[in-house]
Amino acid sequence: MSNLSKRSTVYFEPAIHQALKMRAASSDVSISELIDEAVRLLMREDQEDLADISERVNEPEMTYEDFQSELKINGKI
C-alpha cells in the first residue's frame, strides 16, 4: 500500500464496488489508491475551474435572453 495516512469508510453500490475491485486487481493497485487518485483528479479539476473563473471575472455579463437575441440576430437560431 502507498503512504496514505488517513482512514475513512466509503459505501458503494454493489455494482460500483465490484467494478472497483476488478479495476484494482487488473491494475495491481488497491481500491483505496484508486479512490485517492480519483479524488485528487476531481480536486485538480476544481482548481482549474476556479482559475478559469478568476480569469473571466472582468468579462461583461449577458442575460440568457440577450444571448438568445444575439444568436437570433446572427442567424444562429
Protein backbone atom coordinates (compact mmCIF):
# COMPACT_ATOMS: atom_id res chain seq x y z
CA MET A 1 0.00 0.00 0.00
CA SER A 2 1.10 3.56 -0.62
CA ASN A 3 1.77 6.19 2.03
CA LEU A 4 -1.91 7.02 2.61
CA SER A 5 -2.27 8.14 6.20
CA LYS A 6 -5.96 8.70 6.99
CA ARG A 7 -8.68 6.10 7.07
CA SER A 8 -12.31 6.52 6.04
CA THR A 9 -15.32 4.33 5.41
CA VAL A 10 -16.92 4.73 2.00
CA TYR A 11 -20.10 2.99 0.86
CA PHE A 12 -20.69 1.99 -2.76
CA GLU A 13 -23.49 0.41 -4.69
CA PRO A 14 -22.63 -3.28 -5.15
CA ALA A 15 -22.02 -2.96 -8.90
CA ILE A 16 -19.68 0.01 -8.41
CA HIS A 17 -17.80 -1.84 -5.69
CA GLN A 18 -17.42 -4.86 -7.95
CA ALA A 19 -16.12 -2.66 -10.76
CA LEU A 20 -13.62 -1.04 -8.38
CA LYS A 21 -12.39 -4.44 -7.21
CA MET A 22 -11.92 -5.59 -10.78
CA ARG A 23 -10.14 -2.38 -11.78
CA ALA A 24 -7.88 -2.55 -8.75
CA ALA A 25 -6.97 -6.15 -9.44
CA SER A 26 -6.30 -5.55 -13.12
CA SER A 27 -4.08 -2.52 -12.45
CA ASP A 28 -2.32 -4.01 -9.40
CA VAL A 29 -3.34 -1.22 -7.01
CA SER A 30 -5.70 -1.11 -4.05
CA ILE A 31 -9.23 0.25 -4.09
CA SER A 32 -8.01 2.93 -1.68
CA GLU A 33 -5.36 4.03 -4.15
CA LEU A 34 -7.95 4.19 -6.95
CA ILE A 35 -10.26 6.32 -4.83
CA ASP A 36 -7.40 8.56 -3.70
CA GLU A 37 -6.38 9.18 -7.31
CA ALA A 38 -10.00 9.85 -8.36
CA VAL A 39 -10.43 12.42 -5.58
CA ARG A 40 -7.13 14.08 -6.49
CA LEU A 41 -8.28 14.37 -10.12
CA LEU A 42 -11.60 15.84 -9.02
CA MET A 43 -9.86 18.41 -6.83
CA ARG A 44 -7.41 19.28 -9.63
CA GLU A 45 -10.37 19.92 -11.94
CA ASP A 46 -11.92 22.17 -9.29
CA GLN A 47 -8.68 24.16 -9.09
CA GLU A 48 -8.65 24.56 -12.87
CA ASP A 49 -12.28 25.67 -12.85
CA LEU A 50 -11.59 28.24 -10.13
CA ALA A 51 -8.60 29.55 -12.09
CA ASP A 52 -10.75 29.89 -15.20
CA ILE A 53 -13.40 31.77 -13.24
CA SER A 54 -10.77 34.13 -11.84
CA GLU A 55 -9.52 34.88 -15.35
CA ARG A 56 -13.03 35.70 -16.55
CA VAL A 57 -14.20 37.74 -13.57
CA ASN A 58 -13.97 41.04 -15.50
CA GLU A 59 -15.84 39.84 -18.60
CA PRO A 60 -19.17 41.56 -19.18
CA GLU A 61 -22.26 39.67 -18.10
CA MET A 62 -25.05 38.77 -20.51
CA THR A 63 -28.52 37.57 -19.66
CA TYR A 64 -29.88 34.43 -21.25
CA GLU A 65 -32.48 36.50 -23.08
CA ASP A 66 -29.80 38.82 -24.50
CA PHE A 67 -27.75 35.82 -25.56
CA GLN A 68 -30.76 34.33 -27.36
CA SER A 69 -31.43 37.65 -29.07
CA GLU A 70 -27.82 37.86 -30.23
CA LEU A 71 -27.99 34.33 -31.63
CA LYS A 72 -31.19 35.21 -33.47
CA ILE A 73 -29.72 38.42 -34.90
CA ASN A 74 -26.68 36.47 -36.13
CA GLY A 75 -28.88 33.82 -37.75
CA LYS A 76 -27.75 31.04 -35.42
CA ILE A 77 -31.30 30.22 -34.31
